[in-house]
Amino acid sequence: MIATQEHGSLYTQIENKVATIEFSHPASNSFPSELLQRLTDELNKISVNKEVSVIILKSGGEKAFCAGASFDELLQIDDLEKGEKFFSGFANVINAMRKCSQLIIGRIQGKAVGGGVGLAAACDYAFATEAASIKLSELTIGIGPFVIAPAVERKMGIAALAELTIAGHEWQNAYWAKEKGLYAKVYETVADLDKEVDFLAQKLAHYNPDALSDMKRVLWENTSNWDALLYERAAISGTLVLSEFTKNALSQFKK
C-alpha cells in the first residue's frame, strides 16, 4: 500500500483471479496527478498479469466515490504545459482502462463528480448505491469535461452528456444514471452493493479468460482514436484552467 495524506493512497489485492484496486484521498477521493499516475501504472501492470481475470475498481470509505480533479492542484497550474500534463492524467487512466485486458467492474458507493463520472463511465460494468448521484460541474468553473466526455458519451449517449454538462449545477440521482446506462444496477445499501459486486466478479473469474479479453476488445471497438483525442482534449482544458474566470471560480469553491 502506498499512502500519504497529500497524495492519497492506492492499494491492490489479488485473490481468486480477481484484482481489487482501491484508491482514496482525504478530499472526497479526489485525484492529484500523482494518484492518477499510480492508478494508470497499476492498471497497465495488471493488464499483463495472466493470474487476473477481472478487476474491481473502488474507492475508500462509504461517502464520495470520487470528487474528480484535485482543486488544490488545479489552483497551482500556472502555465500551459502544467495544465496539459495534469489533465493528461485523466486521459492516461481512461486509456489504461480502455486497453486493459480484463473487464473492469466499477463499485460506485457514493457521489461522483467530473473525473469521477469519467471513471465510472470507463468501467465495463458498474454497480452503484442510491447515494451515487453524479454531476459534471466543469462549466461552472470555466472549463469543461473535455477529456472524459468521450467515455461518458460512449456509455450514456450525447443527450445525457449534454444534459449533465449544460445543467452542471444540478445533481442527477443514481436511478437517472442507471436509466441513461452509466450504472447496470442500483442498490439501497453498501452491503448489498458489495455482495453483488463480489458475486459477479467471482462468476467472471471462472469464465474462459481468453473469451473475457476478446469481449473486452469488442466492447471497446472504434475507440483507438482516443490515443490522440483525449490528449487533444487535455490541451483544451489545460488552456482554459489558466483563465482569470477559472482561477476566480476555483478560489471561490476553495473558500
C-alpha atoms as a PDB file:
ATOM      1  CA  MET A   1       0.000   0.000   0.000  1.00  0.00           C
ATOM      2  CA  ILE A   2       1.274   3.481  -0.898  1.00  0.00           C
ATOM      3  CA  ALA A   3      -0.231   6.214   1.232  1.00  0.00           C
ATOM      4  CA  THR A   4       0.330   9.873   2.037  1.00  0.00           C
ATOM      5  CA  GLN A   5      -2.094  12.456   3.360  1.00  0.00           C
ATOM      6  CA  GLU A   6      -1.295  14.807   0.463  1.00  0.00           C
ATOM      7  CA  HIS A   7      -1.251  12.382  -2.456  1.00  0.00           C
ATOM      8  CA  GLY A   8      -3.785   9.810  -1.318  1.00  0.00           C
ATOM      9  CA  SER A   9      -3.396   6.056  -1.452  1.00  0.00           C
ATOM     10  CA  LEU A  10      -3.694   3.147  -3.845  1.00  0.00           C
ATOM     11  CA  TYR A  11      -3.985  -0.468  -2.804  1.00  0.00           C
ATOM     12  CA  THR A  12      -4.421  -3.636  -4.856  1.00  0.00           C
ATOM     13  CA  GLN A  13      -5.452  -7.060  -3.606  1.00  0.00           C
ATOM     14  CA  ILE A  14      -5.429 -10.101  -5.889  1.00  0.00           C
ATOM     15  CA  GLU A  15      -7.403 -13.144  -4.806  1.00  0.00           C
ATOM     16  CA  ASN A  16      -9.023 -15.955  -6.796  1.00  0.00           C
ATOM     17  CA  LYS A  17      -8.217 -14.266 -10.128  1.00  0.00           C
ATOM     18  CA  VAL A  18      -9.901 -11.028  -9.019  1.00  0.00           C
ATOM     19  CA  ALA A  19      -7.827  -7.865  -8.608  1.00  0.00           C
ATOM     20  CA  THR A  20      -9.442  -5.225  -6.405  1.00  0.00           C
ATOM     21  CA  ILE A  21      -7.953  -1.763  -6.871  1.00  0.00           C
ATOM     22  CA  GLU A  22      -8.894   0.753  -4.188  1.00  0.00           C
ATOM     23  CA  PHE A  23      -7.935   4.430  -4.367  1.00  0.00           C
ATOM     24  CA  SER A  24      -8.554   7.014  -1.689  1.00  0.00           C
ATOM     25  CA  HIS A  25      -7.844  10.616  -0.841  1.00  0.00           C
ATOM     26  CA  PRO A  26      -8.889  12.646   2.208  1.00  0.00           C
ATOM     27  CA  ALA A  27     -10.502  15.275  -0.056  1.00  0.00           C
ATOM     28  CA  SER A  28     -13.542  13.195  -1.078  1.00  0.00           C
ATOM     29  CA  ASN A  29     -11.370  10.752  -3.045  1.00  0.00           C
ATOM     30  CA  SER A  30     -10.261  13.443  -5.477  1.00  0.00           C
ATOM     31  CA  PHE A  31      -7.285  12.909  -7.771  1.00  0.00           C
ATOM     32  CA  PRO A  32      -3.980  14.768  -7.650  1.00  0.00           C
ATOM     33  CA  SER A  33      -1.736  13.989 -10.601  1.00  0.00           C
ATOM     34  CA  GLU A  34       0.469  11.566  -8.654  1.00  0.00           C
ATOM     35  CA  LEU A  35      -2.511   9.382  -7.749  1.00  0.00           C
ATOM     36  CA  LEU A  36      -3.709   9.425 -11.363  1.00  0.00           C
ATOM     37  CA  GLN A  37      -0.291   8.184 -12.452  1.00  0.00           C
ATOM     38  CA  ARG A  38      -0.274   5.435  -9.821  1.00  0.00           C
ATOM     39  CA  LEU A  39      -3.668   4.217 -10.988  1.00  0.00           C
ATOM     40  CA  THR A  40      -2.532   4.248 -14.626  1.00  0.00           C
ATOM     41  CA  ASP A  41       0.606   2.267 -13.780  1.00  0.00           C
ATOM     42  CA  GLU A  42      -1.359  -0.246 -11.717  1.00  0.00           C
ATOM     43  CA  LEU A  43      -3.887  -0.864 -14.486  1.00  0.00           C
ATOM     44  CA  ASN A  44      -1.093  -1.361 -17.029  1.00  0.00           C
ATOM     45  CA  LYS A  45       0.671  -3.764 -14.673  1.00  0.00           C
ATOM     46  CA  ILE A  46      -2.440  -5.856 -14.009  1.00  0.00           C
ATOM     47  CA  SER A  47      -3.346  -5.907 -17.699  1.00  0.00           C
ATOM     48  CA  VAL A  48      -0.434  -8.279 -18.405  1.00  0.00           C
ATOM     49  CA  ASN A  49      -0.982 -10.406 -15.293  1.00  0.00           C
ATOM     50  CA  LYS A  50      -2.266 -13.771 -16.502  1.00  0.00           C
ATOM     51  CA  GLU A  51      -3.375 -14.634 -12.964  1.00  0.00           C
ATOM     52  CA  VAL A  52      -6.052 -11.913 -13.062  1.00  0.00           C
ATOM     53  CA  SER A  53      -9.313 -12.416 -14.976  1.00  0.00           C
ATOM     54  CA  VAL A  54     -11.363  -9.471 -13.713  1.00  0.00           C
ATOM     55  CA  ILE A  55     -10.784  -6.142 -11.955  1.00  0.00           C
ATOM     56  CA  ILE A  56     -12.910  -4.356  -9.358  1.00  0.00           C
ATOM     57  CA  LEU A  57     -12.329  -0.600  -9.170  1.00  0.00           C
ATOM     58  CA  LYS A  58     -13.443   1.049  -5.946  1.00  0.00           C
ATOM     59  CA  SER A  59     -12.667   3.961  -3.664  1.00  0.00           C
ATOM     60  CA  GLY A  60     -12.208   4.171   0.072  1.00  0.00           C
ATOM     61  CA  GLY A  61     -14.892   4.987   2.604  1.00  0.00           C
ATOM     62  CA  GLU A  62     -18.657   4.968   2.252  1.00  0.00           C
ATOM     63  CA  LYS A  63     -19.233   8.570   1.180  1.00  0.00           C
ATOM     64  CA  ALA A  64     -18.000  10.073  -2.109  1.00  0.00           C
ATOM     65  CA  PHE A  65     -16.825   7.722  -4.843  1.00  0.00           C
ATOM     66  CA  CYS A  66     -14.684  10.392  -6.467  1.00  0.00           C
ATOM     67  CA  ALA A  67     -14.731  14.195  -6.476  1.00  0.00           C
ATOM     68  CA  GLY A  68     -12.718  14.424  -9.683  1.00  0.00           C
ATOM     69  CA  ALA A  69      -9.631  16.579 -10.068  1.00  0.00           C
ATOM     70  CA  SER A  70      -7.774  17.943  -7.064  1.00  0.00           C
ATOM     71  CA  PHE A  71      -8.808  21.576  -6.580  1.00  0.00           C
ATOM     72  CA  ASP A  72      -5.561  22.302  -4.748  1.00  0.00           C
ATOM     73  CA  GLU A  73      -3.540  21.164  -7.740  1.00  0.00           C
ATOM     74  CA  LEU A  74      -5.786  22.951 -10.225  1.00  0.00           C
ATOM     75  CA  LEU A  75      -5.121  26.202  -8.357  1.00  0.00           C
ATOM     76  CA  GLN A  76      -1.369  25.673  -8.697  1.00  0.00           C
ATOM     77  CA  ILE A  77      -1.380  25.363 -12.504  1.00  0.00           C
ATOM     78  CA  ASP A  78       0.308  28.466 -13.889  1.00  0.00           C
ATOM     79  CA  ASP A  79       1.335  27.538 -17.436  1.00  0.00           C
ATOM     80  CA  LEU A  80       0.011  25.561 -20.372  1.00  0.00           C
ATOM     81  CA  GLU A  81       2.498  22.711 -20.016  1.00  0.00           C
ATOM     82  CA  LYS A  82       1.423  22.045 -16.420  1.00  0.00           C
ATOM     83  CA  GLY A  83      -2.228  22.275 -17.421  1.00  0.00           C
ATOM     84  CA  GLU A  84      -1.895  19.807 -20.262  1.00  0.00           C
ATOM     85  CA  LYS A  85       0.114  17.437 -18.086  1.00  0.00           C
ATOM     86  CA  PHE A  86      -2.453  17.485 -15.293  1.00  0.00           C
ATOM     87  CA  PHE A  87      -5.480  16.810 -17.486  1.00  0.00           C
ATOM     88  CA  SER A  88      -3.496  14.194 -19.399  1.00  0.00           C
ATOM     89  CA  GLY A  89      -3.517  12.259 -16.134  1.00  0.00           C
ATOM     90  CA  PHE A  90      -7.211  11.530 -16.618  1.00  0.00           C
ATOM     91  CA  ALA A  91      -6.548  10.707 -20.277  1.00  0.00           C
ATOM     92  CA  ASN A  92      -3.918   8.191 -19.188  1.00  0.00           C
ATOM     93  CA  VAL A  93      -6.266   6.486 -16.734  1.00  0.00           C
ATOM     94  CA  ILE A  94      -9.182   6.240 -19.155  1.00  0.00           C
ATOM     95  CA  ASN A  95      -6.949   4.889 -21.918  1.00  0.00           C
ATOM     96  CA  ALA A  96      -5.440   2.368 -19.499  1.00  0.00           C
ATOM     97  CA  MET A  97      -8.944   1.210 -18.534  1.00  0.00           C
ATOM     98  CA  ARG A  98      -9.916   1.020 -22.206  1.00  0.00           C
ATOM     99  CA  LYS A  99      -6.868  -1.036 -23.198  1.00  0.00           C
ATOM    100  CA  CYS A 100      -6.758  -3.226 -20.099  1.00  0.00           C
ATOM    101  CA  SER A 101      -7.022  -6.934 -20.922  1.00  0.00           C
ATOM    102  CA  GLN A 102      -9.530  -7.585 -18.150  1.00  0.00           C
ATOM    103  CA  LEU A 103     -13.119  -6.461 -17.753  1.00  0.00           C
ATOM    104  CA  ILE A 104     -13.439  -3.777 -15.061  1.00  0.00           C
ATOM    105  CA  ILE A 105     -16.341  -3.736 -12.599  1.00  0.00           C
ATOM    106  CA  GLY A 106     -16.973  -0.351 -11.003  1.00  0.00           C
ATOM    107  CA  ARG A 107     -18.133  -0.242  -7.384  1.00  0.00           C
ATOM    108  CA  ILE A 108     -19.694   3.214  -7.034  1.00  0.00           C
ATOM    109  CA  GLN A 109     -20.743   3.669  -3.410  1.00  0.00           C
ATOM    110  CA  GLY A 110     -21.269   7.446  -3.363  1.00  0.00           C
ATOM    111  CA  LYS A 111     -21.338  10.678  -5.315  1.00  0.00           C
ATOM    112  CA  ALA A 112     -19.208  11.099  -8.427  1.00  0.00           C
ATOM    113  CA  VAL A 113     -18.217  14.482  -9.837  1.00  0.00           C
ATOM    114  CA  GLY A 114     -16.304  15.354 -13.007  1.00  0.00           C
ATOM    115  CA  GLY A 115     -13.472  12.889 -13.455  1.00  0.00           C
ATOM    116  CA  GLY A 116     -15.253  10.528 -11.074  1.00  0.00           C
ATOM    117  CA  VAL A 117     -18.094  10.246 -13.589  1.00  0.00           C
ATOM    118  CA  GLY A 118     -15.466   9.596 -16.256  1.00  0.00           C
ATOM    119  CA  LEU A 119     -14.011   6.730 -14.220  1.00  0.00           C
ATOM    120  CA  ALA A 120     -17.448   5.182 -13.743  1.00  0.00           C
ATOM    121  CA  ALA A 121     -18.141   5.508 -17.472  1.00  0.00           C
ATOM    122  CA  ALA A 122     -14.832   3.858 -18.381  1.00  0.00           C
ATOM    123  CA  CYS A 123     -15.723   0.767 -16.335  1.00  0.00           C
ATOM    124  CA  ASP A 124     -17.134  -2.081 -18.384  1.00  0.00           C
ATOM    125  CA  TYR A 125     -19.920  -2.700 -15.866  1.00  0.00           C
ATOM    126  CA  ALA A 126     -20.818  -0.580 -12.858  1.00  0.00           C
ATOM    127  CA  PHE A 127     -22.864  -1.199  -9.735  1.00  0.00           C
ATOM    128  CA  ALA A 128     -23.947   1.714  -7.530  1.00  0.00           C
ATOM    129  CA  THR A 129     -25.866   2.612  -4.413  1.00  0.00           C
ATOM    130  CA  GLU A 130     -28.754   5.059  -4.205  1.00  0.00           C
ATOM    131  CA  ALA A 131     -26.245   7.600  -2.876  1.00  0.00           C
ATOM    132  CA  ALA A 132     -24.259   7.543  -6.129  1.00  0.00           C
ATOM    133  CA  SER A 133     -25.545  10.779  -7.654  1.00  0.00           C
ATOM    134  CA  ILE A 134     -23.490  12.335 -10.438  1.00  0.00           C
ATOM    135  CA  LYS A 135     -22.604  15.818 -11.630  1.00  0.00           C
ATOM    136  CA  LEU A 136     -20.410  17.363 -14.321  1.00  0.00           C
ATOM    137  CA  SER A 137     -19.820  20.835 -12.925  1.00  0.00           C
ATOM    138  CA  GLU A 138     -16.810  21.811 -15.037  1.00  0.00           C
ATOM    139  CA  LEU A 139     -18.572  24.572 -16.989  1.00  0.00           C
ATOM    140  CA  THR A 140     -19.426  26.297 -13.709  1.00  0.00           C
ATOM    141  CA  ILE A 141     -15.720  26.846 -13.056  1.00  0.00           C
ATOM    142  CA  GLY A 142     -14.837  27.892 -16.592  1.00  0.00           C
ATOM    143  CA  ILE A 143     -13.523  24.642 -18.054  1.00  0.00           C
ATOM    144  CA  GLY A 144     -15.344  21.577 -19.392  1.00  0.00           C
ATOM    145  CA  PRO A 145     -15.360  17.770 -19.112  1.00  0.00           C
ATOM    146  CA  PHE A 146     -13.449  17.513 -22.370  1.00  0.00           C
ATOM    147  CA  VAL A 147     -11.156  14.583 -21.504  1.00  0.00           C
ATOM    148  CA  ILE A 148     -13.862  12.389 -20.001  1.00  0.00           C
ATOM    149  CA  ALA A 149     -16.598  13.359 -22.484  1.00  0.00           C
ATOM    150  CA  PRO A 150     -15.818  10.525 -24.953  1.00  0.00           C
ATOM    151  CA  ALA A 151     -16.172   7.937 -22.170  1.00  0.00           C
ATOM    152  CA  VAL A 152     -19.394   9.484 -20.872  1.00  0.00           C
ATOM    153  CA  GLU A 153     -20.861   9.799 -24.377  1.00  0.00           C
ATOM    154  CA  ARG A 154     -19.933   6.215 -25.246  1.00  0.00           C
ATOM    155  CA  LYS A 155     -21.727   4.894 -22.162  1.00  0.00           C
ATOM    156  CA  MET A 156     -24.653   7.294 -21.809  1.00  0.00           C
ATOM    157  CA  GLY A 157     -25.135   8.981 -25.195  1.00  0.00           C
ATOM    158  CA  ILE A 158     -24.709  12.547 -26.409  1.00  0.00           C
ATOM    159  CA  ALA A 159     -28.061  13.718 -24.974  1.00  0.00           C
ATOM    160  CA  ALA A 160     -27.143  12.651 -21.449  1.00  0.00           C
ATOM    161  CA  LEU A 161     -23.684  14.203 -21.822  1.00  0.00           C
ATOM    162  CA  ALA A 162     -25.297  17.470 -22.912  1.00  0.00           C
ATOM    163  CA  GLU A 163     -27.739  17.435 -20.001  1.00  0.00           C
ATOM    164  CA  LEU A 164     -25.003  16.723 -17.475  1.00  0.00           C
ATOM    165  CA  THR A 165     -22.730  19.466 -18.758  1.00  0.00           C
ATOM    166  CA  ILE A 166     -25.228  22.218 -19.574  1.00  0.00           C
ATOM    167  CA  ALA A 167     -27.117  21.707 -16.291  1.00  0.00           C
ATOM    168  CA  GLY A 168     -23.835  21.142 -14.495  1.00  0.00           C
ATOM    169  CA  HIS A 169     -25.030  22.913 -11.348  1.00  0.00           C
ATOM    170  CA  GLU A 170     -27.567  20.122 -10.773  1.00  0.00           C
ATOM    171  CA  TRP A 171     -27.101  16.641  -9.344  1.00  0.00           C
ATOM    172  CA  GLN A 172     -28.616  13.699 -11.199  1.00  0.00           C
ATOM    173  CA  ASN A 173     -29.570  10.776  -8.979  1.00  0.00           C
ATOM    174  CA  ALA A 174     -28.357   7.195  -9.282  1.00  0.00           C
ATOM    175  CA  TYR A 175     -31.570   5.973 -10.883  1.00  0.00           C
ATOM    176  CA  TRP A 176     -31.292   8.633 -13.585  1.00  0.00           C
ATOM    177  CA  ALA A 177     -27.724   7.467 -14.197  1.00  0.00           C
ATOM    178  CA  LYS A 178     -28.923   3.855 -14.417  1.00  0.00           C
ATOM    179  CA  GLU A 179     -31.660   4.797 -16.872  1.00  0.00           C
ATOM    180  CA  LYS A 180     -29.044   6.500 -19.064  1.00  0.00           C
ATOM    181  CA  GLY A 181     -26.730   3.467 -18.973  1.00  0.00           C
ATOM    182  CA  LEU A 182     -23.965   4.553 -16.600  1.00  0.00           C
ATOM    183  CA  TYR A 183     -24.919   2.024 -13.928  1.00  0.00           C
ATOM    184  CA  ALA A 184     -26.116  -1.514 -14.564  1.00  0.00           C
ATOM    185  CA  LYS A 185     -27.815  -1.860 -11.176  1.00  0.00           C
ATOM    186  CA  VAL A 186     -28.506   0.333  -8.142  1.00  0.00           C
ATOM    187  CA  TYR A 187     -28.768  -0.934  -4.545  1.00  0.00           C
ATOM    188  CA  GLU A 188     -30.100   0.549  -1.323  1.00  0.00           C
ATOM    189  CA  THR A 189     -27.067  -0.221   0.829  1.00  0.00           C
ATOM    190  CA  VAL A 190     -23.306  -0.584   0.532  1.00  0.00           C
ATOM    191  CA  ALA A 191     -23.627  -4.109   1.937  1.00  0.00           C
ATOM    192  CA  ASP A 192     -25.963  -5.098  -0.897  1.00  0.00           C
ATOM    193  CA  LEU A 193     -23.647  -3.399  -3.388  1.00  0.00           C
ATOM    194  CA  ASP A 194     -20.590  -5.289  -2.171  1.00  0.00           C
ATOM    195  CA  LYS A 195     -22.444  -8.596  -2.191  1.00  0.00           C
ATOM    196  CA  GLU A 196     -23.418  -8.197  -5.847  1.00  0.00           C
ATOM    197  CA  VAL A 197     -20.019  -6.863  -6.941  1.00  0.00           C
ATOM    198  CA  ASP A 198     -18.313  -9.858  -5.358  1.00  0.00           C
ATOM    199  CA  PHE A 199     -20.848 -12.304  -6.815  1.00  0.00           C
ATOM    200  CA  LEU A 200     -20.335 -11.051 -10.380  1.00  0.00           C
ATOM    201  CA  ALA A 201     -16.557 -10.880 -10.015  1.00  0.00           C
ATOM    202  CA  GLN A 202     -16.408 -14.493  -8.819  1.00  0.00           C
ATOM    203  CA  LYS A 203     -18.647 -15.596 -11.687  1.00  0.00           C
ATOM    204  CA  LEU A 204     -16.458 -13.859 -14.271  1.00  0.00           C
ATOM    205  CA  ALA A 205     -13.282 -15.208 -12.683  1.00  0.00           C
ATOM    206  CA  HIS A 206     -14.414 -18.744 -13.561  1.00  0.00           C
ATOM    207  CA  TYR A 207     -15.112 -17.972 -17.211  1.00  0.00           C
ATOM    208  CA  ASN A 208     -12.649 -18.516 -20.053  1.00  0.00           C
ATOM    209  CA  PRO A 209     -10.121 -15.672 -19.632  1.00  0.00           C
ATOM    210  CA  ASP A 210      -9.485 -15.538 -23.383  1.00  0.00           C
ATOM    211  CA  ALA A 211     -13.201 -15.076 -24.018  1.00  0.00           C
ATOM    212  CA  LEU A 212     -13.294 -12.269 -21.456  1.00  0.00           C
ATOM    213  CA  SER A 213     -10.357 -10.492 -23.106  1.00  0.00           C
ATOM    214  CA  ASP A 214     -11.870 -10.891 -26.554  1.00  0.00           C
ATOM    215  CA  MET A 215     -15.169  -9.499 -25.270  1.00  0.00           C
ATOM    216  CA  LYS A 216     -13.316  -6.548 -23.763  1.00  0.00           C
ATOM    217  CA  ARG A 217     -11.822  -5.719 -27.161  1.00  0.00           C
ATOM    218  CA  VAL A 218     -15.223  -5.975 -28.823  1.00  0.00           C
ATOM    219  CA  LEU A 219     -16.782  -3.628 -26.285  1.00  0.00           C
ATOM    220  CA  TRP A 220     -14.139  -1.003 -26.992  1.00  0.00           C
ATOM    221  CA  GLU A 221     -14.051  -1.228 -30.789  1.00  0.00           C
ATOM    222  CA  ASN A 222     -13.765   2.069 -32.661  1.00  0.00           C
ATOM    223  CA  THR A 223     -12.033   3.882 -29.800  1.00  0.00           C
ATOM    224  CA  SER A 224      -8.412   3.628 -30.956  1.00  0.00           C
ATOM    225  CA  ASN A 225      -8.508   7.320 -31.859  1.00  0.00           C
ATOM    226  CA  TRP A 226      -8.690   8.079 -28.125  1.00  0.00           C
ATOM    227  CA  ASP A 227      -4.896   7.673 -28.034  1.00  0.00           C
ATOM    228  CA  ALA A 228      -4.750  11.095 -29.680  1.00  0.00           C
ATOM    229  CA  LEU A 229      -8.213  12.526 -28.951  1.00  0.00           C
ATOM    230  CA  LEU A 230      -8.021  12.526 -25.152  1.00  0.00           C
ATOM    231  CA  TYR A 231      -4.712  14.397 -25.186  1.00  0.00           C
ATOM    232  CA  GLU A 232      -6.093  16.961 -27.612  1.00  0.00           C
ATOM    233  CA  ARG A 233      -8.941  17.437 -25.146  1.00  0.00           C
ATOM    234  CA  ALA A 234      -6.437  17.737 -22.282  1.00  0.00           C
ATOM    235  CA  ALA A 235      -4.855  20.661 -24.111  1.00  0.00           C
ATOM    236  CA  ILE A 236      -8.237  22.429 -24.245  1.00  0.00           C
ATOM    237  CA  SER A 237      -8.715  22.036 -20.500  1.00  0.00           C
ATOM    238  CA  GLY A 238      -5.102  22.971 -19.858  1.00  0.00           C
ATOM    239  CA  THR A 239      -5.634  26.261 -21.656  1.00  0.00           C
ATOM    240  CA  LEU A 240      -8.964  27.100 -20.018  1.00  0.00           C
ATOM    241  CA  VAL A 241      -7.728  26.425 -16.478  1.00  0.00           C
ATOM    242  CA  LEU A 242      -5.317  29.363 -16.896  1.00  0.00           C
ATOM    243  CA  SER A 243      -8.157  31.829 -17.478  1.00  0.00           C
ATOM    244  CA  GLU A 244      -8.954  34.502 -14.923  1.00  0.00           C
ATOM    245  CA  PHE A 245     -12.541  33.226 -14.801  1.00  0.00           C
ATOM    246  CA  THR A 246     -11.411  29.754 -13.751  1.00  0.00           C
ATOM    247  CA  LYS A 247      -8.854  30.999 -11.241  1.00  0.00           C
ATOM    248  CA  ASN A 248     -11.507  33.140  -9.553  1.00  0.00           C
ATOM    249  CA  ALA A 249     -14.087  30.342  -9.631  1.00  0.00           C
ATOM    250  CA  LEU A 250     -11.667  27.830  -8.109  1.00  0.00           C
ATOM    251  CA  SER A 251     -10.786  30.290  -5.378  1.00  0.00           C
ATOM    252  CA  GLN A 252     -14.462  30.738  -4.523  1.00  0.00           C
ATOM    253  CA  PHE A 253     -15.032  26.973  -4.428  1.00  0.00           C
ATOM    254  CA  LYS A 254     -11.976  26.593  -2.229  1.00  0.00           C
ATOM    255  CA  LYS A 255     -13.463  29.036   0.276  1.00  0.00           C
END
